[in-house]
Amino acid sequence: MGRLHELGFNLAIFPLTLLSAAMRAISESLAAMKMERHPADRLMGFDDLKRIVGFDAYYEAESRYDGARKDAAE
């Protein structure tokens, strides 16, 4: 990455690198599960997962429309 910066690049995108890393993690986790082992040591905490995926924002948006759904059902 330092060499890219030396060449004048301020941003480098590696989509296949990230996809490859994710696919390897998926494959290894599935292989462990096939052998009836849980890949617990490879998992991030559930709170971190919820934050990164955006669960809290989803739940907040859902709560704003919760009353609207009940009103429409009546």
C-alpha atoms as a PDB file:
ATOM      1  CA  MET A   1       0.000   0.000   0.000  1.00  0.00           C
ATOM      2  CA  GLY A   2       2.913   2.319   0.720  1.00  0.00           C
ATOM      3  CA  ARG A   3       4.122   1.931  -2.861  1.00  0.00           C
ATOM      4  CA  LEU A   4       0.718   2.959  -4.204  1.00  0.00           C
ATOM      5  CA  HIS A   5       0.829   6.087  -2.059  1.00  0.00           C
ATOM      6  CA  GLU A   6       4.310   6.858  -3.377  1.00  0.00           C
ATOM      7  CA  LEU A   7       2.898   6.632  -6.903  1.00  0.00           C
ATOM      8  CA  GLY A   8       0.262   9.242  -6.043  1.00  0.00           C
ATOM      9  CA  PHE A   9      -2.719   7.027  -5.237  1.00  0.00           C
ATOM     10  CA  ASN A  10      -4.779   7.981  -2.194  1.00  0.00           C
ATOM     11  CA  LEU A  11      -7.279   5.153  -2.513  1.00  0.00           C
ATOM     12  CA  ALA A  12      -6.974   1.510  -3.479  1.00  0.00           C
ATOM     13  CA  ILE A  13      -9.951  -0.814  -3.784  1.00  0.00           C
ATOM     14  CA  PHE A  14      -9.545  -4.570  -3.419  1.00  0.00           C
ATOM     15  CA  PRO A  15     -13.016  -6.060  -3.983  1.00  0.00           C
ATOM     16  CA  LEU A  16     -11.803  -9.519  -4.944  1.00  0.00           C
ATOM     17  CA  THR A  17      -9.456  -9.625  -1.948  1.00  0.00           C
ATOM     18  CA  LEU A  18     -12.356  -9.019   0.436  1.00  0.00           C
ATOM     19  CA  LEU A  19     -14.618 -11.432  -1.430  1.00  0.00           C
ATOM     20  CA  SER A  20     -11.904 -14.095  -1.354  1.00  0.00           C
ATOM     21  CA  ALA A  21     -11.371 -13.628   2.399  1.00  0.00           C
ATOM     22  CA  ALA A  22     -15.115 -13.881   3.025  1.00  0.00           C
ATOM     23  CA  MET A  23     -15.467 -16.971   0.831  1.00  0.00           C
ATOM     24  CA  ARG A  24     -12.593 -18.682   2.634  1.00  0.00           C
ATOM     25  CA  ALA A  25     -14.174 -17.934   6.020  1.00  0.00           C
ATOM     26  CA  ILE A  26     -17.521 -19.278   4.784  1.00  0.00           C
ATOM     27  CA  SER A  27     -15.932 -22.438   3.366  1.00  0.00           C
ATOM     28  CA  GLU A  28     -13.950 -23.128   6.525  1.00  0.00           C
ATOM     29  CA  SER A  29     -16.976 -22.534   8.737  1.00  0.00           C
ATOM     30  CA  LEU A  30     -19.161 -24.818   6.622  1.00  0.00           C
ATOM     31  CA  ALA A  31     -16.478 -27.523   6.683  1.00  0.00           C
ATOM     32  CA  ALA A  32     -16.316 -27.289  10.483  1.00  0.00           C
ATOM     33  CA  MET A  33     -20.111 -27.511  10.738  1.00  0.00           C
ATOM     34  CA  LYS A  34     -20.137 -30.522   8.401  1.00  0.00           C
ATOM     35  CA  MET A  35     -17.777 -32.224  10.861  1.00  0.00           C
ATOM     36  CA  GLU A  36     -20.291 -31.315  13.610  1.00  0.00           C
ATOM     37  CA  ARG A  37     -18.006 -28.659  15.093  1.00  0.00           C
ATOM     38  CA  HIS A  38     -19.287 -25.172  15.738  1.00  0.00           C
ATOM     39  CA  PRO A  39     -16.946 -22.441  14.418  1.00  0.00           C
ATOM     40  CA  ALA A  40     -17.360 -20.363  17.587  1.00  0.00           C
ATOM     41  CA  ASP A  41     -13.725 -19.247  17.569  1.00  0.00           C
ATOM     42  CA  ARG A  42     -14.251 -17.613  14.164  1.00  0.00           C
ATOM     43  CA  LEU A  43     -17.349 -15.596  15.061  1.00  0.00           C
ATOM     44  CA  MET A  44     -17.557 -11.950  16.024  1.00  0.00           C
ATOM     45  CA  GLY A  45     -19.671 -11.004  19.007  1.00  0.00           C
ATOM     46  CA  PHE A  46     -23.402 -10.724  18.363  1.00  0.00           C
ATOM     47  CA  ASP A  47     -23.471  -7.085  19.507  1.00  0.00           C
ATOM     48  CA  ASP A  48     -20.752  -6.251  16.965  1.00  0.00           C
ATOM     49  CA  LEU A  49     -22.606  -8.161  14.259  1.00  0.00           C
ATOM     50  CA  LYS A  50     -25.856  -6.297  14.988  1.00  0.00           C
ATOM     51  CA  ARG A  51     -24.057  -2.937  14.897  1.00  0.00           C
ATOM     52  CA  ILE A  52     -22.224  -3.628  11.631  1.00  0.00           C
ATOM     53  CA  VAL A  53     -25.269  -5.075   9.861  1.00  0.00           C
ATOM     54  CA  GLY A  54     -27.404  -2.183  11.086  1.00  0.00           C
ATOM     55  CA  PHE A  55     -29.926  -3.976  13.289  1.00  0.00           C
ATOM     56  CA  ASP A  56     -30.236  -1.055  15.701  1.00  0.00           C
ATOM     57  CA  ALA A  57     -31.052   1.388  12.882  1.00  0.00           C
ATOM     58  CA  TYR A  58     -33.567  -1.102  11.501  1.00  0.00           C
ATOM     59  CA  TYR A  59     -35.245  -1.515  14.888  1.00  0.00           C
ATOM     60  CA  GLU A  60     -35.354   2.267  15.326  1.00  0.00           C
ATOM     61  CA  ALA A  61     -37.004   2.729  11.916  1.00  0.00           C
ATOM     62  CA  GLU A  62     -39.402  -0.113  12.659  1.00  0.00           C
ATOM     63  CA  SER A  63     -40.480   1.508  15.923  1.00  0.00           C
ATOM     64  CA  ARG A  64     -41.437   4.713  14.069  1.00  0.00           C
ATOM     65  CA  TYR A  65     -43.887   2.794  11.886  1.00  0.00           C
ATOM     66  CA  ASP A  66     -45.169   0.400  14.532  1.00  0.00           C
ATOM     67  CA  GLY A  67     -48.197   2.559  15.364  1.00  0.00           C
ATOM     68  CA  ALA A  68     -49.013   3.083  11.686  1.00  0.00           C
ATOM     69  CA  ARG A  69     -49.347  -0.646  11.163  1.00  0.00           C
ATOM     70  CA  LYS A  70     -51.736  -0.981  14.082  1.00  0.00           C
ATOM     71  CA  ASP A  71     -53.849   1.973  12.843  1.00  0.00           C
ATOM     72  CA  ALA A  72     -54.142   0.479   9.338  1.00  0.00           C
ATOM     73  CA  ALA A  73     -55.298  -2.872  10.747  1.00  0.00           C
ATOM     74  CA  GLU A  74     -58.245  -1.285  12.543  1.00  0.00           C
END
